[in-house]
C-alpha atoms as a PDB file:
ATOM      1  CA  ALA A   1     100.315  68.096  66.743  1.00  0.00           C
ATOM      2  CA  ILE A   2      96.897  69.749  66.566  1.00  0.00           C
ATOM      3  CA  PRO A   3      94.168  68.052  68.651  1.00  0.00           C
ATOM      4  CA  ALA A   4      91.701  66.101  66.468  1.00  0.00           C
ATOM      5  CA  ASP A   5      88.675  68.253  67.304  1.00  0.00           C
ATOM      6  CA  LEU A   6      90.588  71.437  66.463  1.00  0.00           C
ATOM      7  CA  GLN A   7      91.828  69.890  63.191  1.00  0.00           C
ATOM      8  CA  LEU A   8      88.245  68.991  62.284  1.00  0.00           C
ATOM      9  CA  LEU A   9      87.170  72.622  62.808  1.00  0.00           C
ATOM     10  CA  ALA A  10      90.140  73.894  60.787  1.00  0.00           C
ATOM     11  CA  ASP A  11      89.284  71.509  57.937  1.00  0.00           C
ATOM     12  CA  ARG A  12      85.621  72.572  57.965  1.00  0.00           C
ATOM     13  CA  GLU A  13      86.644  76.240  57.716  1.00  0.00           C
ATOM     14  CA  ALA A  14      89.136  75.461  54.940  1.00  0.00           C
ATOM     15  CA  ILE A  15      86.393  73.713  52.945  1.00  0.00           C
ATOM     16  CA  LYS A  16      84.003  76.651  53.415  1.00  0.00           C
ATOM     17  CA  GLU A  17      86.776  79.006  52.319  1.00  0.00           C
ATOM     18  CA  LEU A  18      87.387  76.848  49.236  1.00  0.00           C
ATOM     19  CA  THR A  19      83.746  77.366  48.202  1.00  0.00           C
ATOM     20  CA  ALA A  20      84.147  81.114  48.844  1.00  0.00           C
ATOM     21  CA  LYS A  21      87.294  81.231  46.676  1.00  0.00           C
ATOM     22  CA  TYR A  22      85.334  79.454  43.954  1.00  0.00           C
ATOM     23  CA  ALA A  23      82.578  82.086  44.127  1.00  0.00           C
ATOM     24  CA  ARG A  24      85.096  84.954  44.121  1.00  0.00           C
ATOM     25  CA  CYS A  25      86.794  83.559  41.015  1.00  0.00           C
ATOM     26  CA  VAL A  26      83.410  83.282  39.269  1.00  0.00           C
ATOM     27  CA  VAL A  27      82.487  86.877  40.197  1.00  0.00           C
ATOM     28  CA  THR A  28      85.815  88.233  38.938  1.00  0.00           C
ATOM     29  CA  GLY A  29      85.736  86.152  35.748  1.00  0.00           C
ATOM     30  CA  ASP A  30      88.780  84.048  36.666  1.00  0.00           C
ATOM     31  CA  GLY A  31      87.898  80.698  35.055  1.00  0.00           C
ATOM     32  CA  ARG A  32      91.463  79.411  35.333  1.00  0.00           C
ATOM     33  CA  GLY A  33      91.392  80.245  39.048  1.00  0.00           C
ATOM     34  CA  VAL A  34      88.151  78.310  39.479  1.00  0.00           C
ATOM     35  CA  GLY A  35      89.687  75.294  37.746  1.00  0.00           C
ATOM     36  CA  ALA A  36      92.802  75.484  39.925  1.00  0.00           C
ATOM     37  CA  LEU A  37      90.602  74.626  42.925  1.00  0.00           C
ATOM     38  CA  TYR A  38      90.050  71.109  41.500  1.00  0.00           C
ATOM     39  CA  SER A  39      92.335  68.112  41.898  1.00  0.00           C
ATOM     40  CA  GLU A  40      94.185  67.058  38.727  1.00  0.00           C
ATOM     41  CA  ASP A  41      91.564  64.326  38.201  1.00  0.00           C
ATOM     42  CA  GLY A  42      88.656  66.555  39.282  1.00  0.00           C
ATOM     43  CA  ARG A  43      85.184  66.575  37.749  1.00  0.00           C
ATOM     44  CA  PHE A  44      82.739  69.451  37.247  1.00  0.00           C
ATOM     45  CA  ALA A  45      79.128  68.637  36.334  1.00  0.00           C
ATOM     46  CA  ALA A  46      76.191  71.044  36.003  1.00  0.00           C
ATOM     47  CA  GLY A  47      73.192  70.438  33.775  1.00  0.00           C
ATOM     48  CA  ARG A  48      74.450  69.456  30.331  1.00  0.00           C
ATOM     49  CA  PHE A  49      78.062  70.287  31.219  1.00  0.00           C
ATOM     50  CA  ASP A  50      80.415  67.562  32.431  1.00  0.00           C
ATOM     51  CA  TYR A  51      84.184  68.029  32.395  1.00  0.00           C
ATOM     52  CA  VAL A  52      86.928  65.837  33.866  1.00  0.00           C
ATOM     53  CA  GLY A  53      90.501  66.910  34.573  1.00  0.00           C
ATOM     54  CA  ARG A  54      91.741  70.231  35.912  1.00  0.00           C
ATOM     55  CA  LYS A  55      92.906  71.518  32.518  1.00  0.00           C
ATOM     56  CA  ASN A  56      89.603  70.654  30.818  1.00  0.00           C
ATOM     57  CA  ILE A  57      87.685  72.326  33.638  1.00  0.00           C
ATOM     58  CA  GLN A  58      89.908  75.411  33.416  1.00  0.00           C
ATOM     59  CA  ASP A  59      89.497  75.633  29.632  1.00  0.00           C
ATOM     60  CA  PHE A  60      85.711  75.335  29.884  1.00  0.00           C
ATOM     61  CA  LEU A  61      85.320  77.788  32.770  1.00  0.00           C
ATOM     62  CA  GLU A  62      87.702  80.285  31.189  1.00  0.00           C
ATOM     63  CA  SER A  63      85.321  80.432  28.216  1.00  0.00           C
ATOM     64  CA  GLN A  64      82.253  80.763  30.484  1.00  0.00           C
ATOM     65  CA  THR A  65      83.246  83.234  33.197  1.00  0.00           C
ATOM     66  CA  THR A  66      83.325  86.995  32.717  1.00  0.00           C
ATOM     67  CA  PRO A  67      83.449  89.639  35.437  1.00  0.00           C
ATOM     68  CA  GLY A  68      80.008  90.454  36.797  1.00  0.00           C
ATOM     69  CA  LYS A  69      78.181  87.787  34.760  1.00  0.00           C
ATOM     70  CA  ASN A  70      76.709  86.406  37.954  1.00  0.00           C
ATOM     71  CA  MET A  71      77.104  86.639  41.711  1.00  0.00           C
ATOM     72  CA  PRO A  72      77.018  83.194  43.330  1.00  0.00           C
ATOM     73  CA  LEU A  73      75.998  83.308  46.979  1.00  0.00           C
ATOM     74  CA  VAL A  74      76.840  79.994  48.646  1.00  0.00           C
ATOM     75  CA  THR A  75      75.418  79.033  52.026  1.00  0.00           C
ATOM     76  CA  ASP A  76      74.146  76.254  54.311  1.00  0.00           C
ATOM     77  CA  HIS A  77      77.220  74.032  54.127  1.00  0.00           C
ATOM     78  CA  ILE A  78      76.793  70.495  55.418  1.00  0.00           C
ATOM     79  CA  ILE A  79      80.280  69.024  55.652  1.00  0.00           C
ATOM     80  CA  GLU A  80      81.314  65.475  56.528  1.00  0.00           C
ATOM     81  CA  ILE A  81      85.023  64.776  56.911  1.00  0.00           C
ATOM     82  CA  ASP A  82      86.732  61.404  56.995  1.00  0.00           C
ATOM     83  CA  GLY A  83      90.494  61.915  57.205  1.00  0.00           C
ATOM     84  CA  ASP A  84      91.689  63.480  53.945  1.00  0.00           C
ATOM     85  CA  GLU A  85      88.333  62.923  52.174  1.00  0.00           C
ATOM     86  CA  ALA A  86      85.184  64.981  52.635  1.00  0.00           C
ATOM     87  CA  THR A  87      81.758  65.730  51.232  1.00  0.00           C
ATOM     88  CA  CYS A  88      80.032  69.089  51.251  1.00  0.00           C
ATOM     89  CA  TYR A  89      76.460  69.947  50.360  1.00  0.00           C
ATOM     90  CA  SER A  90      75.625  73.639  49.915  1.00  0.00           C
ATOM     91  CA  ILE A  91      72.972  75.877  48.414  1.00  0.00           C
ATOM     92  CA  MET A  92      73.833  78.438  45.738  1.00  0.00           C
ATOM     93  CA  PHE A  93      71.723  81.378  44.623  1.00  0.00           C
ATOM     94  CA  THR A  94      72.673  84.023  42.101  1.00  0.00           C
ATOM     95  CA  PRO A  95      70.381  87.064  42.102  1.00  0.00           C
ATOM     96  CA  TRP A  96      71.141  87.731  38.430  1.00  0.00           C
ATOM     97  CA  PHE A  97      72.613  85.802  35.525  1.00  0.00           C
ATOM     98  CA  LYS A  98      73.706  87.482  32.298  1.00  0.00           C
ATOM     99  CA  GLY A  99      71.827  90.600  33.362  1.00  0.00           C
ATOM    100  CA  LYS A 100      68.528  88.781  33.902  1.00  0.00           C
ATOM    101  CA  HIS A 101      66.566  88.909  37.155  1.00  0.00           C
ATOM    102  CA  PRO A 102      66.009  86.683  38.949  1.00  0.00           C
ATOM    103  CA  GLY A 103      69.004  84.465  38.400  1.00  0.00           C
ATOM    104  CA  PHE A 104      68.867  80.833  39.437  1.00  0.00           C
ATOM    105  CA  CYS A 105      69.547  78.598  42.405  1.00  0.00           C
ATOM    106  CA  GLY A 106      70.503  75.045  43.118  1.00  0.00           C
ATOM    107  CA  ALA A 107      72.684  72.814  45.234  1.00  0.00           C
ATOM    108  CA  TYR A 108      76.294  71.761  45.078  1.00  0.00           C
ATOM    109  CA  SER A 109      77.185  68.214  46.064  1.00  0.00           C
ATOM    110  CA  ASP A 110      80.954  68.101  46.429  1.00  0.00           C
ATOM    111  CA  ARG A 111      83.554  65.453  47.064  1.00  0.00           C
ATOM    112  CA  LEU A 112      86.850  66.859  48.295  1.00  0.00           C
ATOM    113  CA  ARG A 113      90.342  65.623  49.009  1.00  0.00           C
ATOM    114  CA  LYS A 114      93.112  67.091  51.112  1.00  0.00           C
ATOM    115  CA  ILE A 115      96.336  67.018  49.080  1.00  0.00           C
ATOM    116  CA  GLU A 116      99.595  68.141  50.702  1.00  0.00           C
ATOM    117  CA  GLY A 117      97.628  70.020  53.362  1.00  0.00           C
ATOM    118  CA  GLU A 118      95.222  71.818  50.970  1.00  0.00           C
ATOM    119  CA  TRP A 119      91.600  70.936  50.147  1.00  0.00           C
ATOM    120  CA  TYR A 120      90.568  70.519  46.491  1.00  0.00           C
ATOM    121  CA  PHE A 121      87.354  69.605  44.725  1.00  0.00           C
ATOM    122  CA  VAL A 122      87.463  66.047  43.413  1.00  0.00           C
ATOM    123  CA  GLU A 123      83.908  66.316  42.141  1.00  0.00           C
ATOM    124  CA  ARG A 124      81.630  69.331  42.100  1.00  0.00           C
ATOM    125  CA  SER A 125      78.134  68.566  40.918  1.00  0.00           C
ATOM    126  CA  PHE A 126      75.525  71.318  40.640  1.00  0.00           C
ATOM    127  CA  GLU A 127      71.840  70.522  40.478  1.00  0.00           C
ATOM    128  CA  PHE A 128      69.574  73.328  39.295  1.00  0.00           C
ATOM    129  CA  PHE A 129      66.412  73.855  41.340  1.00  0.00           C
ATOM    130  CA  GLU A 130      63.356  74.472  39.220  1.00  0.00           C
ATOM    131  CA  GLY A 131      60.568  76.779  40.202  1.00  0.00           C
ATOM    132  CA  ARG A 132      60.508  80.240  41.690  1.00  0.00           C
ATOM    133  CA  PRO A 133      58.340  81.495  44.551  1.00  0.00           C
ATOM    134  CA  GLU A 134      56.128  83.395  42.098  1.00  0.00           C
ATOM    135  CA  ASP A 135      55.381  80.289  40.001  1.00  0.00           C
ATOM    136  CA  PRO A 136      51.710  79.210  40.404  1.00  0.00           C
ATOM    137  CA  GLU A 137      52.558  75.664  41.489  1.00  0.00           C
ATOM    138  CA  ASN A 138      54.617  76.997  44.400  1.00  0.00           C
ATOM    139  CA  THR A 139      51.882  77.908  46.837  1.00  0.00           C
ATOM    140  CA  PRO A 140      52.847  78.808  50.415  1.00  0.00           C
ATOM    141  CA  SER A 141      51.653  75.412  51.634  1.00  0.00           C
ATOM    142  CA  ARG A 142      53.790  73.483  49.149  1.00  0.00           C
ATOM    143  CA  GLY A 143      56.934  75.584  48.898  1.00  0.00           C
ATOM    144  CA  PRO A 144      59.257  75.535  45.898  1.00  0.00           C
ATOM    145  CA  SER A 145      58.739  72.604  43.540  1.00  0.00           C
ATOM    146  CA  PHE A 146      62.233  71.228  44.111  1.00  0.00           C
ATOM    147  CA  LEU A 147      61.340  70.511  47.732  1.00  0.00           C
ATOM    148  CA  ALA A 148      58.269  68.511  46.717  1.00  0.00           C
ATOM    149  CA  THR A 149      60.183  66.481  44.112  1.00  0.00           C
ATOM    150  CA  GLY A 150      63.205  65.734  46.294  1.00  0.00           C
ATOM    151  CA  GLN A 151      65.588  67.501  43.925  1.00  0.00           C
ATOM    152  CA  GLY A 152      68.710  68.860  45.501  1.00  0.00           C
ATOM    153  CA  ARG A 153      69.607  65.786  47.517  1.00  0.00           C
ATOM    154  CA  SER A 154      73.193  64.718  47.162  1.00  0.00           C
ATOM    155  CA  ARG A 155      73.724  62.085  44.501  1.00  0.00           C
ATOM    156  CA  LEU A 156      77.402  61.605  45.243  1.00  0.00           C
ATOM    157  CA  LYS A 157      78.496  58.294  46.669  1.00  0.00           C
ATOM    158  CA  ARG A 158      81.490  57.848  48.892  1.00  0.00           C
END
Protein backbone atom coordinates (compact mmCIF):
# COMPACT_ATOMS: atom_id res chain seq x y z
CA ALA A 1 0.00 0.00 0.00
CA ILE A 2 1.10 3.56 -0.73
CA PRO A 3 1.69 5.74 2.36
CA ALA A 4 -1.12 8.29 2.88
CA ASP A 5 1.05 11.37 2.35
CA LEU A 6 2.42 9.96 -0.92
CA GLN A 7 -1.12 9.07 -2.07
CA LEU A 8 -2.23 12.63 -1.33
CA LEU A 9 0.59 14.00 -3.52
CA ALA A 10 -0.24 11.53 -6.30
CA ASP A 11 -3.91 12.55 -6.17
CA ARG A 12 -3.03 16.26 -6.29
CA GLU A 13 -0.87 15.69 -9.38
CA ALA A 14 -3.58 13.58 -11.02
CA ILE A 15 -6.11 16.39 -10.48
CA LYS A 16 -3.73 18.98 -11.95
CA GLU A 17 -3.14 16.68 -14.91
CA LEU A 18 -6.90 16.31 -15.38
CA THR A 19 -7.18 20.10 -15.76
CA ALA A 20 -4.26 20.02 -18.23
CA LYS A 21 -5.97 17.27 -20.27
CA TYR A 22 -9.09 19.42 -20.32
CA ALA A 23 -7.12 22.38 -21.69
CA ARG A 24 -5.36 20.22 -24.29
CA CYS A 25 -8.69 18.87 -25.54
CA VAL A 26 -10.04 22.43 -25.83
CA VAL A 27 -6.94 23.59 -27.76
CA THR A 28 -7.16 20.66 -30.18
CA GLY A 29 -10.93 21.00 -30.64
CA ASP A 30 -11.75 17.64 -29.04
CA GLY A 31 -15.12 18.39 -27.40
CA ARG A 32 -15.91 14.71 -26.90
CA GLY A 33 -12.56 14.30 -25.14
CA VAL A 34 -13.35 17.21 -22.83
CA GLY A 35 -16.70 15.64 -21.96
CA ALA A 36 -15.07 12.27 -21.27
CA LEU A 37 -13.27 13.88 -18.32
CA TYR A 38 -16.62 14.26 -16.50
CA SER A 39 -18.38 11.63 -14.41
CA GLU A 40 -21.55 10.18 -15.98
CA ASP A 41 -23.62 12.54 -13.80
CA GLY A 42 -21.21 15.48 -14.25
CA ARG A 43 -22.20 19.12 -14.61
CA PHE A 44 -20.58 21.91 -16.64
CA ALA A 45 -21.64 25.51 -15.96
CA ALA A 46 -20.18 28.71 -17.44
CA GLY A 47 -22.13 31.93 -17.87
CA ARG A 48 -25.43 31.11 -19.56
CA PHE A 49 -24.38 27.52 -20.27
CA ASP A 50 -25.35 24.73 -17.88
CA TYR A 51 -25.24 21.08 -18.94
CA VAL A 52 -25.69 17.92 -16.85
CA GLY A 53 -24.62 14.42 -17.85
CA ARG A 54 -21.49 13.35 -19.71
CA LYS A 55 -23.26 12.87 -23.05
CA ASN A 56 -24.96 16.28 -22.89
CA ILE A 57 -21.65 17.91 -21.99
CA GLN A 58 -19.90 16.10 -24.85
CA ASP A 59 -22.60 17.10 -27.35
CA PHE A 60 -22.43 20.75 -26.28
CA LEU A 61 -18.63 20.96 -26.21
CA GLU A 62 -18.29 19.13 -29.52
CA SER A 63 -20.33 21.94 -31.09
CA GLN A 64 -18.27 24.64 -29.34
CA THR A 65 -14.65 23.52 -29.64
CA THR A 66 -12.55 23.92 -32.77
CA PRO A 67 -8.77 23.67 -33.04
CA GLY A 68 -7.06 26.93 -32.16
CA LYS A 69 -10.26 28.75 -31.13
CA ASN A 70 -8.68 29.56 -27.79
CA MET A 71 -5.71 28.62 -25.64
CA PRO A 72 -6.74 28.09 -22.01
CA LEU A 73 -3.86 28.54 -19.59
CA VAL A 74 -4.81 27.10 -16.20
CA THR A 75 -2.83 27.88 -13.06
CA ASP A 76 -2.86 28.48 -9.30
CA HIS A 77 -4.59 25.25 -8.31
CA ILE A 78 -5.91 25.09 -4.76
CA ILE A 79 -6.86 21.47 -4.14
CA GLU A 80 -8.56 19.94 -1.11
CA ILE A 81 -8.90 16.16 -1.02
CA ASP A 82 -11.12 14.11 1.25
CA GLY A 83 -10.80 10.44 0.32
CA ASP A 84 -12.29 9.93 -3.14
CA GLU A 85 -13.84 13.44 -3.25
CA ALA A 86 -12.00 16.68 -3.93
CA THR A 87 -12.42 20.34 -4.76
CA CYS A 88 -10.13 22.40 -6.95
CA TYR A 89 -10.07 26.13 -7.51
CA SER A 90 -7.96 27.42 -10.41
CA ILE A 91 -7.51 30.50 -12.56
CA MET A 92 -7.89 30.33 -16.34
CA PHE A 93 -6.71 32.89 -18.87
CA THR A 94 -6.93 32.63 -22.63
CA PRO A 95 -4.83 35.21 -24.49
CA TRP A 96 -7.20 35.10 -27.47
CA PHE A 97 -10.73 33.88 -28.15
CA LYS A 98 -12.11 33.48 -31.66
CA GLY A 99 -9.19 35.50 -32.98
CA LYS A 100 -9.82 38.47 -30.67
CA HIS A 101 -7.19 39.91 -28.34
CA PRO A 102 -7.27 39.95 -25.43
CA GLY A 103 -9.27 36.85 -24.66
CA PHE A 104 -10.85 36.43 -21.25
CA CYS A 105 -10.11 35.07 -17.81
CA GLY A 106 -11.94 33.64 -14.87
CA ALA A 107 -11.90 30.93 -12.25
CA TYR A 108 -12.87 27.30 -12.21
CA SER A 109 -14.48 25.89 -9.09
CA ASP A 110 -14.45 22.12 -9.45
CA ARG A 111 -15.82 19.18 -7.54
CA LEU A 112 -14.13 15.91 -8.40
CA ARG A 113 -14.55 12.24 -7.65
CA LYS A 114 -12.13 9.35 -7.91
CA ILE A 115 -13.86 6.49 -9.74
CA GLU A 116 -12.05 3.16 -10.13
CA GLY A 117 -8.72 4.89 -9.49
CA GLU A 118 -9.24 7.81 -11.92
CA TRP A 119 -10.28 11.40 -11.13
CA TYR A 120 -13.26 12.93 -12.97
CA PHE A 121 -15.05 16.25 -12.82
CA VAL A 122 -18.37 15.96 -11.02
CA GLU A 123 -18.99 19.68 -11.39
CA ARG A 124 -16.95 22.25 -13.26
CA SER A 125 -18.18 25.78 -12.81
CA PHE A 126 -16.47 28.68 -14.57
CA GLU A 127 -16.95 32.24 -13.41
CA PHE A 128 -15.90 34.95 -15.85
CA PHE A 129 -13.87 37.80 -14.37
CA GLU A 130 -14.93 41.19 -15.63
CA GLY A 131 -12.55 44.03 -16.23
CA ARG A 132 -9.16 44.24 -17.86
CA PRO A 133 -6.08 46.07 -16.58
CA GLU A 134 -6.59 48.82 -19.17
CA ASP A 135 -10.17 49.54 -18.04
CA PRO A 136 -10.41 52.97 -16.31
CA GLU A 137 -11.95 51.58 -13.12
CA ASN A 138 -8.97 49.26 -12.64
CA THR A 139 -6.41 51.67 -11.27
CA PRO A 140 -3.16 50.28 -9.83
CA SER A 141 -4.41 50.90 -6.30
CA ARG A 142 -7.65 48.97 -6.83
CA GLY A 143 -6.60 46.15 -9.13
CA PRO A 144 -9.01 44.32 -11.43
CA SER A 145 -12.68 44.87 -10.64
CA PHE A 146 -13.31 41.20 -9.88
CA LEU A 147 -11.00 41.45 -6.87
CA ALA A 148 -12.94 44.41 -5.47
CA THR A 149 -16.32 42.70 -5.95
CA GLY A 150 -15.30 39.32 -4.55
CA GLN A 151 -16.04 37.53 -7.82
CA GLY A 152 -14.10 34.37 -8.39
CA ARG A 153 -14.63 32.85 -4.97
CA SER A 154 -15.76 29.27 -5.05
CA ARG A 155 -19.52 28.87 -4.87
CA LEU A 156 -19.44 25.09 -4.70
CA LYS A 157 -20.58 23.44 -1.51
CA ARG A 158 -19.33 20.11 -0.30
